[in-house]
Amino acid sequence: MRPFDHLTGGIIESAIEIHRALGPGLLESAYEELLAGELHRRGFALRRQAMIPFSWEDQRVQFGFRVDLLVNERVLVEIKATDRPNPVFARQVLTYLRLMQLPVGLLINFGTYRLVDGIQRVTNHDAPYVAPPDVVWPTRHKGETDCWRIREKEGPVRKHGAPPAPRGSPFLRFSDSLHVSSASPRSCAGA
């Protein structure tokens, strides 16, 4: 199980439940309100339409961008409701993640016939890693260190006709097959 899976899994379950009941065709703002309500009922802390300032060189941009949902201050959720997905949507999420220094975000497109085809998990490999509070770390012996990394399982996994994301790509589809492994310090040297 990857770090943040408990958060992203709960978000995805909530989105699927809403999509099953209502289907595609509503406005993006309606899906956002419904998803925020469902996440709130499940006990998640969230901010809606949060204005995020950022700095670039010596300049501070006060109203840089607006995040649809920020769940537990750790997972960014960008909601779309279009029948024609655009690759720029995932790049937009990655830009937001880099500016906010967050490790993971979800792009959820409610405009698809099946919602699992409209979910992308976007990861920011440049973010400083902050473990979720309920992650169980492996035991460490004196003088040893642990290395956590995401690696692909053996062989390409193709679900629903979607090819896997290219190796090293920060854009991961919900159906992509990745997992976190604890590796020995010797095997981390090459990673």
C-alpha atoms as a PDB file:
ATOM      1  CA  MET A   1       0.000   0.000   0.000  1.00  0.00           C
ATOM      2  CA  ARG A   2       1.327   3.422  -0.959  1.00  0.00           C
ATOM      3  CA  PRO A   3       1.447   6.356   1.444  1.00  0.00           C
ATOM      4  CA  PHE A   4      -1.706   8.483   1.138  1.00  0.00           C
ATOM      5  CA  ASP A   5      -3.726   5.530  -0.220  1.00  0.00           C
ATOM      6  CA  HIS A   6      -6.073   5.781   2.753  1.00  0.00           C
ATOM      7  CA  LEU A   7      -6.859   9.387   1.788  1.00  0.00           C
ATOM      8  CA  THR A   8      -7.036   8.950  -1.975  1.00  0.00           C
ATOM      9  CA  GLY A   9      -8.990   5.706  -1.582  1.00  0.00           C
ATOM     10  CA  GLY A  10     -11.656   7.428   0.513  1.00  0.00           C
ATOM     11  CA  ILE A  11     -11.900  10.286  -1.972  1.00  0.00           C
ATOM     12  CA  ILE A  12     -12.212   7.913  -4.928  1.00  0.00           C
ATOM     13  CA  GLU A  13     -14.848   5.788  -3.151  1.00  0.00           C
ATOM     14  CA  SER A  14     -16.895   8.913  -2.450  1.00  0.00           C
ATOM     15  CA  ALA A  15     -16.616  10.090  -6.063  1.00  0.00           C
ATOM     16  CA  ILE A  16     -17.638   6.684  -7.425  1.00  0.00           C
ATOM     17  CA  GLU A  17     -20.640   6.576  -5.107  1.00  0.00           C
ATOM     18  CA  ILE A  18     -21.806   9.996  -6.360  1.00  0.00           C
ATOM     19  CA  HIS A  19     -21.211   9.094 -10.014  1.00  0.00           C
ATOM     20  CA  ARG A  20     -23.082   5.789  -9.658  1.00  0.00           C
ATOM     21  CA  ALA A  21     -26.110   7.586  -8.243  1.00  0.00           C
ATOM     22  CA  LEU A  22     -26.171  10.593 -10.588  1.00  0.00           C
ATOM     23  CA  GLY A  23     -24.034   9.732 -13.630  1.00  0.00           C
ATOM     24  CA  PRO A  24     -22.392  12.284 -15.934  1.00  0.00           C
ATOM     25  CA  GLY A  25     -24.000  15.521 -17.077  1.00  0.00           C
ATOM     26  CA  LEU A  26     -24.037  17.842 -14.072  1.00  0.00           C
ATOM     27  CA  LEU A  27     -21.972  20.998 -13.735  1.00  0.00           C
ATOM     28  CA  GLU A  28     -18.498  20.800 -12.247  1.00  0.00           C
ATOM     29  CA  SER A  29     -19.621  22.969  -9.316  1.00  0.00           C
ATOM     30  CA  ALA A  30     -22.438  20.511  -8.484  1.00  0.00           C
ATOM     31  CA  TYR A  31     -20.038  17.558  -8.369  1.00  0.00           C
ATOM     32  CA  GLU A  32     -17.651  19.606  -6.217  1.00  0.00           C
ATOM     33  CA  GLU A  33     -20.379  20.439  -3.711  1.00  0.00           C
ATOM     34  CA  LEU A  34     -21.605  16.838  -3.586  1.00  0.00           C
ATOM     35  CA  LEU A  35     -18.089  15.430  -3.187  1.00  0.00           C
ATOM     36  CA  ALA A  36     -17.265  17.962  -0.461  1.00  0.00           C
ATOM     37  CA  GLY A  37     -20.432  16.991   1.419  1.00  0.00           C
ATOM     38  CA  GLU A  38     -19.697  13.276   1.131  1.00  0.00           C
ATOM     39  CA  LEU A  39     -16.087  13.722   2.275  1.00  0.00           C
ATOM     40  CA  HIS A  40     -17.245  15.836   5.201  1.00  0.00           C
ATOM     41  CA  ARG A  41     -19.699  13.067   6.215  1.00  0.00           C
ATOM     42  CA  ARG A  42     -16.810  10.585   6.108  1.00  0.00           C
ATOM     43  CA  GLY A  43     -14.814  12.735   8.520  1.00  0.00           C
ATOM     44  CA  PHE A  44     -12.265  14.335   6.183  1.00  0.00           C
ATOM     45  CA  ALA A  45     -11.120  17.897   6.802  1.00  0.00           C
ATOM     46  CA  LEU A  46     -11.277  19.914   3.599  1.00  0.00           C
ATOM     47  CA  ARG A  47     -11.114  23.346   2.045  1.00  0.00           C
ATOM     48  CA  ARG A  48     -13.147  24.283  -1.023  1.00  0.00           C
ATOM     49  CA  GLN A  49     -12.069  26.789  -3.678  1.00  0.00           C
ATOM     50  CA  ALA A  50      -9.014  27.744  -1.629  1.00  0.00           C
ATOM     51  CA  MET A  51      -7.018  30.645  -3.095  1.00  0.00           C
ATOM     52  CA  ILE A  52      -3.363  29.629  -3.012  1.00  0.00           C
ATOM     53  CA  PRO A  53      -0.665  32.318  -3.109  1.00  0.00           C
ATOM     54  CA  PHE A  54       2.866  31.474  -4.215  1.00  0.00           C
ATOM     55  CA  SER A  55       6.234  33.132  -4.719  1.00  0.00           C
ATOM     56  CA  TRP A  56       8.477  33.128  -7.731  1.00  0.00           C
ATOM     57  CA  GLU A  57      11.942  34.610  -7.386  1.00  0.00           C
ATOM     58  CA  ASP A  58      11.328  37.906  -5.483  1.00  0.00           C
ATOM     59  CA  GLN A  59       7.695  38.283  -6.507  1.00  0.00           C
ATOM     60  CA  ARG A  60       4.709  37.079  -4.471  1.00  0.00           C
ATOM     61  CA  VAL A  61       1.532  36.264  -6.401  1.00  0.00           C
ATOM     62  CA  GLN A  62      -1.310  36.668  -3.913  1.00  0.00           C
ATOM     63  CA  PHE A  63      -4.070  35.054  -5.988  1.00  0.00           C
ATOM     64  CA  GLY A  64      -2.066  32.466  -7.903  1.00  0.00           C
ATOM     65  CA  PHE A  65      -4.656  29.760  -8.420  1.00  0.00           C
ATOM     66  CA  ARG A  66      -7.755  28.239  -6.901  1.00  0.00           C
ATOM     67  CA  VAL A  67      -7.855  24.621  -5.729  1.00  0.00           C
ATOM     68  CA  ASP A  68     -11.201  22.811  -6.049  1.00  0.00           C
ATOM     69  CA  LEU A  69     -10.678  20.695  -2.916  1.00  0.00           C
ATOM     70  CA  LEU A  70      -7.787  20.305  -0.494  1.00  0.00           C
ATOM     71  CA  VAL A  71      -8.377  17.221   1.661  1.00  0.00           C
ATOM     72  CA  ASN A  72      -6.677  17.004   5.073  1.00  0.00           C
ATOM     73  CA  GLU A  73      -4.194  19.630   3.824  1.00  0.00           C
ATOM     74  CA  ARG A  74      -2.356  16.789   2.038  1.00  0.00           C
ATOM     75  CA  VAL A  75      -4.282  15.718  -1.091  1.00  0.00           C
ATOM     76  CA  LEU A  76      -5.304  18.135  -3.830  1.00  0.00           C
ATOM     77  CA  VAL A  77      -8.458  17.257  -5.792  1.00  0.00           C
ATOM     78  CA  GLU A  78      -9.186  18.890  -9.146  1.00  0.00           C
ATOM     79  CA  ILE A  79     -12.675  18.213 -10.487  1.00  0.00           C
ATOM     80  CA  LYS A  80     -13.696  18.254 -14.146  1.00  0.00           C
ATOM     81  CA  ALA A  81     -16.971  17.430 -15.881  1.00  0.00           C
ATOM     82  CA  THR A  82     -16.105  17.116 -19.549  1.00  0.00           C
ATOM     83  CA  ASP A  83     -16.580  14.357 -22.097  1.00  0.00           C
ATOM     84  CA  ARG A  84     -13.261  15.265 -23.763  1.00  0.00           C
ATOM     85  CA  PRO A  85     -10.370  14.933 -21.327  1.00  0.00           C
ATOM     86  CA  ASN A  86      -7.364  17.117 -22.054  1.00  0.00           C
ATOM     87  CA  PRO A  87      -3.768  16.201 -21.094  1.00  0.00           C
ATOM     88  CA  VAL A  88      -3.293  19.763 -19.823  1.00  0.00           C
ATOM     89  CA  PHE A  89      -5.611  18.954 -16.879  1.00  0.00           C
ATOM     90  CA  ALA A  90      -3.063  16.547 -15.370  1.00  0.00           C
ATOM     91  CA  ARG A  91      -0.239  19.022 -16.004  1.00  0.00           C
ATOM     92  CA  GLN A  92      -2.309  21.684 -14.224  1.00  0.00           C
ATOM     93  CA  VAL A  93      -2.615  19.411 -11.174  1.00  0.00           C
ATOM     94  CA  LEU A  94       1.124  18.710 -11.252  1.00  0.00           C
ATOM     95  CA  THR A  95       1.866  22.462 -11.368  1.00  0.00           C
ATOM     96  CA  TYR A  96      -0.405  23.003  -8.356  1.00  0.00           C
ATOM     97  CA  LEU A  97       1.317  20.163  -6.487  1.00  0.00           C
ATOM     98  CA  ARG A  98       4.760  21.598  -7.190  1.00  0.00           C
ATOM     99  CA  LEU A  99       3.791  25.103  -6.104  1.00  0.00           C
ATOM    100  CA  MET A 100       2.155  23.811  -2.911  1.00  0.00           C
ATOM    101  CA  GLN A 101       4.900  21.190  -2.335  1.00  0.00           C
ATOM    102  CA  LEU A 102       2.328  18.416  -1.951  1.00  0.00           C
ATOM    103  CA  PRO A 103       3.124  14.831  -2.941  1.00  0.00           C
ATOM    104  CA  VAL A 104      -0.163  13.652  -4.464  1.00  0.00           C
ATOM    105  CA  GLY A 105      -3.278  14.951  -6.174  1.00  0.00           C
ATOM    106  CA  LEU A 106      -6.333  13.508  -7.867  1.00  0.00           C
ATOM    107  CA  LEU A 107      -7.872  14.605 -11.138  1.00  0.00           C
ATOM    108  CA  ILE A 108     -11.481  13.414 -11.188  1.00  0.00           C
ATOM    109  CA  ASN A 109     -13.469  13.830 -14.412  1.00  0.00           C
ATOM    110  CA  PHE A 110     -17.158  13.194 -13.733  1.00  0.00           C
ATOM    111  CA  GLY A 111     -17.960  13.565 -17.442  1.00  0.00           C
ATOM    112  CA  THR A 112     -16.916  10.012 -18.339  1.00  0.00           C
ATOM    113  CA  TYR A 113     -19.338   7.121 -18.744  1.00  0.00           C
ATOM    114  CA  ARG A 114     -17.419   5.085 -16.137  1.00  0.00           C
ATOM    115  CA  LEU A 115     -15.764   7.174 -13.463  1.00  0.00           C
ATOM    116  CA  VAL A 116     -12.729   4.890 -13.094  1.00  0.00           C
ATOM    117  CA  ASP A 117     -11.785   5.921 -16.635  1.00  0.00           C
ATOM    118  CA  GLY A 118     -11.826   9.575 -15.550  1.00  0.00           C
ATOM    119  CA  ILE A 119      -9.618   9.325 -12.436  1.00  0.00           C
ATOM    120  CA  GLN A 120      -5.924  10.132 -12.523  1.00  0.00           C
ATOM    121  CA  ARG A 121      -3.574  10.079  -9.559  1.00  0.00           C
ATOM    122  CA  VAL A 122      -0.836  12.665 -10.126  1.00  0.00           C
ATOM    123  CA  THR A 123       2.330  12.490  -8.049  1.00  0.00           C
ATOM    124  CA  ASN A 124       4.908  15.156  -7.392  1.00  0.00           C
ATOM    125  CA  HIS A 125       8.257  13.472  -6.923  1.00  0.00           C
ATOM    126  CA  ASP A 126       9.888  16.813  -6.015  1.00  0.00           C
ATOM    127  CA  ALA A 127       7.764  17.312  -2.879  1.00  0.00           C
ATOM    128  CA  PRO A 128       9.350  16.915   0.538  1.00  0.00           C
ATOM    129  CA  TYR A 129       7.847  13.737   1.913  1.00  0.00           C
ATOM    130  CA  VAL A 130       5.706  14.093   5.013  1.00  0.00           C
ATOM    131  CA  ALA A 131       4.267  10.797   6.188  1.00  0.00           C
ATOM    132  CA  PRO A 132       0.571  10.556   6.873  1.00  0.00           C
ATOM    133  CA  PRO A 133       0.026  10.135  10.630  1.00  0.00           C
ATOM    134  CA  ASP A 134      -1.187   6.538  10.391  1.00  0.00           C
ATOM    135  CA  VAL A 135       1.608   5.128   8.201  1.00  0.00           C
ATOM    136  CA  VAL A 136       3.303   2.189   9.916  1.00  0.00           C
ATOM    137  CA  TRP A 137       7.019   2.386   9.338  1.00  0.00           C
ATOM    138  CA  PRO A 138       9.156  -0.774   9.323  1.00  0.00           C
ATOM    139  CA  THR A 139      11.304  -1.470  12.361  1.00  0.00           C
ATOM    140  CA  ARG A 140      14.837  -0.162  12.164  1.00  0.00           C
ATOM    141  CA  HIS A 141      17.937  -1.619  13.728  1.00  0.00           C
ATOM    142  CA  LYS A 142      20.660   0.644  15.065  1.00  0.00           C
ATOM    143  CA  GLY A 143      22.615   2.242  12.235  1.00  0.00           C
ATOM    144  CA  GLU A 144      20.214   1.169   9.462  1.00  0.00           C
ATOM    145  CA  THR A 145      18.056   3.410   7.342  1.00  0.00           C
ATOM    146  CA  ASP A 146      14.924   2.653   5.388  1.00  0.00           C
ATOM    147  CA  CYS A 147      14.188   3.566   1.816  1.00  0.00           C
ATOM    148  CA  TRP A 148      10.612   3.864   0.580  1.00  0.00           C
ATOM    149  CA  ARG A 149      10.044   4.064  -3.113  1.00  0.00           C
ATOM    150  CA  ILE A 150       7.310   3.480  -5.613  1.00  0.00           C
ATOM    151  CA  ARG A 151       8.032   0.872  -8.200  1.00  0.00           C
ATOM    152  CA  GLU A 152       6.027  -0.862 -10.879  1.00  0.00           C
ATOM    153  CA  LYS A 153       4.945  -4.462 -10.460  1.00  0.00           C
ATOM    154  CA  GLU A 154       6.336  -6.935 -12.947  1.00  0.00           C
ATOM    155  CA  GLY A 155       4.748  -6.724 -16.357  1.00  0.00           C
ATOM    156  CA  PRO A 156       2.395  -4.140 -17.798  1.00  0.00           C
ATOM    157  CA  VAL A 157      -1.109  -4.192 -16.422  1.00  0.00           C
ATOM    158  CA  ARG A 158      -3.811  -3.018 -18.789  1.00  0.00           C
ATOM    159  CA  LYS A 159      -7.282  -2.489 -17.436  1.00  0.00           C
ATOM    160  CA  HIS A 160     -10.213  -1.251 -19.444  1.00  0.00           C
ATOM    161  CA  GLY A 161      -8.057  -0.935 -22.569  1.00  0.00           C
ATOM    162  CA  ALA A 162      -5.866   1.825 -21.076  1.00  0.00           C
ATOM    163  CA  PRO A 163      -2.109   1.470 -21.545  1.00  0.00           C
ATOM    164  CA  PRO A 164       0.041   1.917 -18.442  1.00  0.00           C
ATOM    165  CA  ALA A 165       1.676   5.299 -17.818  1.00  0.00           C
ATOM    166  CA  PRO A 166       5.197   5.639 -19.241  1.00  0.00           C
ATOM    167  CA  ARG A 167       7.999   4.717 -16.837  1.00  0.00           C
ATOM    168  CA  GLY A 168       8.978   7.720 -14.760  1.00  0.00           C
ATOM    169  CA  SER A 169       5.800   9.612 -15.630  1.00  0.00           C
ATOM    170  CA  PRO A 170       4.191  11.596 -12.797  1.00  0.00           C
ATOM    171  CA  PHE A 171       0.789  11.031 -14.414  1.00  0.00           C
ATOM    172  CA  LEU A 172      -0.681   7.788 -13.122  1.00  0.00           C
ATOM    173  CA  ARG A 173      -4.087   6.488 -14.024  1.00  0.00           C
ATOM    174  CA  PHE A 174      -6.245   5.041 -11.245  1.00  0.00           C
ATOM    175  CA  SER A 175      -5.975   1.651 -12.921  1.00  0.00           C
ATOM    176  CA  ASP A 176      -2.160   1.712 -13.053  1.00  0.00           C
ATOM    177  CA  SER A 177      -0.499  -0.906 -10.949  1.00  0.00           C
ATOM    178  CA  LEU A 178       1.987   0.600  -8.490  1.00  0.00           C
ATOM    179  CA  HIS A 179       2.880  -0.207  -4.925  1.00  0.00           C
ATOM    180  CA  VAL A 180       5.291   0.984  -2.235  1.00  0.00           C
ATOM    181  CA  SER A 181       8.017  -1.334  -1.151  1.00  0.00           C
ATOM    182  CA  SER A 182      10.458  -1.125   1.679  1.00  0.00           C
ATOM    183  CA  ALA A 183      13.889  -1.810   0.302  1.00  0.00           C
ATOM    184  CA  SER A 184      17.117  -2.513   2.090  1.00  0.00           C
ATOM    185  CA  PRO A 185      19.648   0.363   2.246  1.00  0.00           C
ATOM    186  CA  ARG A 186      21.890  -1.491  -0.233  1.00  0.00           C
ATOM    187  CA  SER A 187      19.165  -1.595  -2.895  1.00  0.00           C
ATOM    188  CA  CYS A 188      18.338   2.088  -2.358  1.00  0.00           C
ATOM    189  CA  ALA A 189      21.767   3.240  -3.474  1.00  0.00           C
ATOM    190  CA  GLY A 190      20.846   2.805  -7.122  1.00  0.00           C
ATOM    191  CA  ALA A 191      17.340   4.182  -6.767  1.00  0.00           C
END
